[in-house]
N, C-alpha and C. Protein backbone atom coordinates (compact mmCIF):
# COMPACT_ATOMS: atom_id res chain seq x y z
N MET A 1 -20.87 -35.62 -12.03
CA MET A 1 -19.61 -35.79 -12.75
C MET A 1 -18.56 -34.88 -12.09
N ASP A 2 -17.40 -35.46 -11.73
CA ASP A 2 -16.36 -34.66 -11.09
C ASP A 2 -15.48 -33.98 -12.14
N ILE A 3 -14.60 -33.13 -11.68
CA ILE A 3 -13.78 -32.31 -12.58
C ILE A 3 -12.88 -33.15 -13.47
N VAL A 4 -12.33 -34.24 -12.94
CA VAL A 4 -11.45 -35.09 -13.73
C VAL A 4 -12.23 -35.73 -14.88
N GLU A 5 -13.40 -36.21 -14.59
CA GLU A 5 -14.22 -36.81 -15.64
C GLU A 5 -14.60 -35.79 -16.70
N LYS A 6 -14.89 -34.58 -16.27
CA LYS A 6 -15.25 -33.52 -17.22
C LYS A 6 -14.07 -33.18 -18.12
N VAL A 7 -12.88 -33.08 -17.54
CA VAL A 7 -11.71 -32.72 -18.33
C VAL A 7 -11.34 -33.85 -19.28
N THR A 8 -11.38 -35.08 -18.81
CA THR A 8 -11.00 -36.20 -19.68
C THR A 8 -12.03 -36.44 -20.79
N ALA A 9 -13.22 -35.88 -20.64
CA ALA A 9 -14.23 -36.01 -21.68
C ALA A 9 -14.04 -34.96 -22.79
N LEU A 10 -13.17 -34.01 -22.57
CA LEU A 10 -12.92 -32.96 -23.56
C LEU A 10 -12.12 -33.49 -24.74
N SER A 11 -12.14 -32.73 -25.82
CA SER A 11 -11.30 -33.06 -26.97
C SER A 11 -9.84 -32.77 -26.62
N LEU A 12 -8.93 -33.27 -27.41
CA LEU A 12 -7.51 -33.04 -27.18
C LEU A 12 -7.19 -31.55 -27.16
N GLU A 13 -7.74 -30.80 -28.11
CA GLU A 13 -7.50 -29.36 -28.15
C GLU A 13 -8.02 -28.67 -26.89
N GLU A 14 -9.19 -29.08 -26.43
CA GLU A 14 -9.76 -28.49 -25.23
C GLU A 14 -8.92 -28.84 -23.99
N MET A 15 -8.43 -30.08 -23.93
CA MET A 15 -7.57 -30.48 -22.81
C MET A 15 -6.27 -29.67 -22.81
N GLN A 16 -5.72 -29.43 -23.98
CA GLN A 16 -4.50 -28.62 -24.07
C GLN A 16 -4.75 -27.19 -23.63
N GLU A 17 -5.92 -26.67 -23.96
CA GLU A 17 -6.28 -25.33 -23.54
C GLU A 17 -6.42 -25.27 -22.01
N VAL A 18 -7.06 -26.27 -21.43
CA VAL A 18 -7.17 -26.35 -19.97
C VAL A 18 -5.78 -26.42 -19.35
N GLU A 19 -4.89 -27.22 -19.94
CA GLU A 19 -3.52 -27.33 -19.45
C GLU A 19 -2.82 -25.97 -19.47
N ASN A 20 -2.98 -25.24 -20.56
CA ASN A 20 -2.37 -23.90 -20.67
C ASN A 20 -2.93 -22.94 -19.63
N ILE A 21 -4.23 -23.00 -19.44
CA ILE A 21 -4.88 -22.13 -18.45
C ILE A 21 -4.36 -22.45 -17.06
N LEU A 22 -4.26 -23.73 -16.73
CA LEU A 22 -3.76 -24.13 -15.42
C LEU A 22 -2.31 -23.72 -15.22
N ARG A 23 -1.50 -23.88 -16.26
CA ARG A 23 -0.09 -23.49 -16.18
C ARG A 23 0.03 -21.99 -15.92
N GLN A 24 -0.71 -21.19 -16.66
CA GLN A 24 -0.66 -19.74 -16.48
C GLN A 24 -1.19 -19.33 -15.11
N SER A 25 -2.24 -19.99 -14.66
CA SER A 25 -2.80 -19.69 -13.34
C SER A 25 -1.80 -20.04 -12.25
N SER A 26 -1.09 -21.13 -12.42
CA SER A 26 -0.07 -21.54 -11.46
C SER A 26 1.06 -20.51 -11.41
N ILE A 27 1.49 -20.05 -12.56
CA ILE A 27 2.55 -19.03 -12.63
C ILE A 27 2.10 -17.76 -11.92
N GLU A 28 0.88 -17.33 -12.18
CA GLU A 28 0.37 -16.11 -11.55
C GLU A 28 0.25 -16.28 -10.04
N ALA A 29 -0.17 -17.46 -9.59
CA ALA A 29 -0.29 -17.71 -8.15
C ALA A 29 1.10 -17.66 -7.49
N LYS A 30 2.11 -18.20 -8.16
CA LYS A 30 3.46 -18.16 -7.62
C LYS A 30 3.98 -16.72 -7.57
N ARG A 31 3.69 -15.94 -8.61
CA ARG A 31 4.10 -14.53 -8.61
C ARG A 31 3.44 -13.77 -7.48
N HIS A 32 2.16 -14.05 -7.27
CA HIS A 32 1.43 -13.41 -6.18
C HIS A 32 2.05 -13.77 -4.83
N GLN A 33 2.42 -15.03 -4.65
CA GLN A 33 3.04 -15.46 -3.41
C GLN A 33 4.39 -14.78 -3.18
N VAL A 34 5.17 -14.63 -4.23
CA VAL A 34 6.45 -13.93 -4.12
C VAL A 34 6.21 -12.48 -3.69
N LEU A 35 5.22 -11.83 -4.28
CA LEU A 35 4.89 -10.45 -3.91
C LEU A 35 4.46 -10.38 -2.45
N GLN A 36 3.62 -11.31 -2.02
CA GLN A 36 3.17 -11.32 -0.63
C GLN A 36 4.35 -11.52 0.32
N ASN A 37 5.28 -12.41 -0.05
CA ASN A 37 6.46 -12.63 0.77
C ASN A 37 7.31 -11.36 0.86
N LYS A 38 7.42 -10.64 -0.26
CA LYS A 38 8.18 -9.39 -0.28
C LYS A 38 7.55 -8.37 0.66
N ILE A 39 6.24 -8.22 0.58
CA ILE A 39 5.53 -7.26 1.42
C ILE A 39 5.69 -7.63 2.89
N GLU A 40 5.55 -8.91 3.21
CA GLU A 40 5.70 -9.37 4.59
C GLU A 40 7.13 -9.13 5.09
N SER A 41 8.11 -9.39 4.24
CA SER A 41 9.51 -9.17 4.63
C SER A 41 9.79 -7.70 4.90
N LYS A 42 9.24 -6.82 4.05
CA LYS A 42 9.43 -5.37 4.26
C LYS A 42 8.82 -4.94 5.58
N THR A 43 7.64 -5.47 5.89
CA THR A 43 6.97 -5.13 7.14
C THR A 43 7.80 -5.61 8.33
N LEU A 44 8.27 -6.85 8.28
CA LEU A 44 9.09 -7.39 9.36
C LEU A 44 10.38 -6.59 9.52
N HIS A 45 10.96 -6.17 8.40
CA HIS A 45 12.19 -5.38 8.45
C HIS A 45 11.94 -4.03 9.13
N LYS A 46 10.85 -3.37 8.75
CA LYS A 46 10.52 -2.08 9.35
C LYS A 46 10.27 -2.20 10.85
N GLU A 47 9.71 -3.35 11.26
CA GLU A 47 9.41 -3.58 12.68
C GLU A 47 10.63 -4.09 13.44
N GLY A 48 11.74 -4.30 12.74
CA GLY A 48 12.95 -4.79 13.38
C GLY A 48 12.88 -6.26 13.76
N LYS A 49 11.99 -7.00 13.11
CA LYS A 49 11.80 -8.41 13.44
C LYS A 49 12.49 -9.35 12.45
N LEU A 50 13.15 -8.79 11.48
CA LEU A 50 13.80 -9.61 10.45
C LEU A 50 15.29 -9.69 10.77
N LYS A 51 15.79 -10.91 10.85
CA LYS A 51 17.21 -11.10 11.18
C LYS A 51 18.00 -11.38 9.91
N PHE A 52 19.22 -10.84 9.88
CA PHE A 52 20.13 -11.08 8.77
C PHE A 52 21.39 -11.75 9.31
N PHE A 53 21.95 -12.62 8.51
CA PHE A 53 23.18 -13.32 8.90
C PHE A 53 24.19 -13.16 7.78
N ASP A 54 25.42 -12.84 8.17
CA ASP A 54 26.44 -12.55 7.17
C ASP A 54 27.23 -13.78 6.73
N SER A 55 26.92 -14.93 7.33
CA SER A 55 27.61 -16.15 6.92
C SER A 55 26.74 -17.36 7.23
N PRO A 56 26.94 -18.44 6.53
CA PRO A 56 26.19 -19.67 6.82
C PRO A 56 26.44 -20.16 8.25
N THR A 57 27.66 -19.96 8.73
CA THR A 57 28.00 -20.39 10.09
C THR A 57 27.15 -19.65 11.12
N ASN A 58 27.04 -18.33 10.95
CA ASN A 58 26.22 -17.53 11.88
C ASN A 58 24.75 -17.94 11.82
N LEU A 59 24.27 -18.21 10.63
CA LEU A 59 22.89 -18.67 10.47
C LEU A 59 22.70 -20.01 11.17
N PHE A 60 23.61 -20.93 10.93
CA PHE A 60 23.53 -22.25 11.54
C PHE A 60 23.55 -22.14 13.06
N ASN A 61 24.41 -21.30 13.60
CA ASN A 61 24.50 -21.11 15.04
C ASN A 61 23.21 -20.53 15.60
N ALA A 62 22.63 -19.57 14.92
CA ALA A 62 21.38 -18.96 15.37
C ALA A 62 20.25 -19.97 15.35
N LEU A 63 20.20 -20.83 14.33
CA LEU A 63 19.15 -21.84 14.25
C LEU A 63 19.28 -22.86 15.37
N ASN A 64 20.49 -23.17 15.75
CA ASN A 64 20.71 -24.13 16.83
C ASN A 64 20.43 -23.55 18.21
N GLU A 65 20.45 -22.23 18.31
CA GLU A 65 20.19 -21.58 19.59
C GLU A 65 18.70 -21.53 19.91
N GLU A 66 17.87 -21.49 18.87
CA GLU A 66 16.42 -21.31 19.08
C GLU A 66 15.75 -22.59 19.42
């Protein structure tokens, strides 16, 4: 029996609980990813590998140069 069959065999209350658990897990995974991105950005900044652009035009020009 696969996971979908197992979930659809649950009662409505149990399915709602699974839905809530998945929603909370998804939120936590997104928060973790944001934290990882922050840590990576700080590391790149310290190493001088992070570029900043003061205008959309400068960003656009830099993207077209690469």
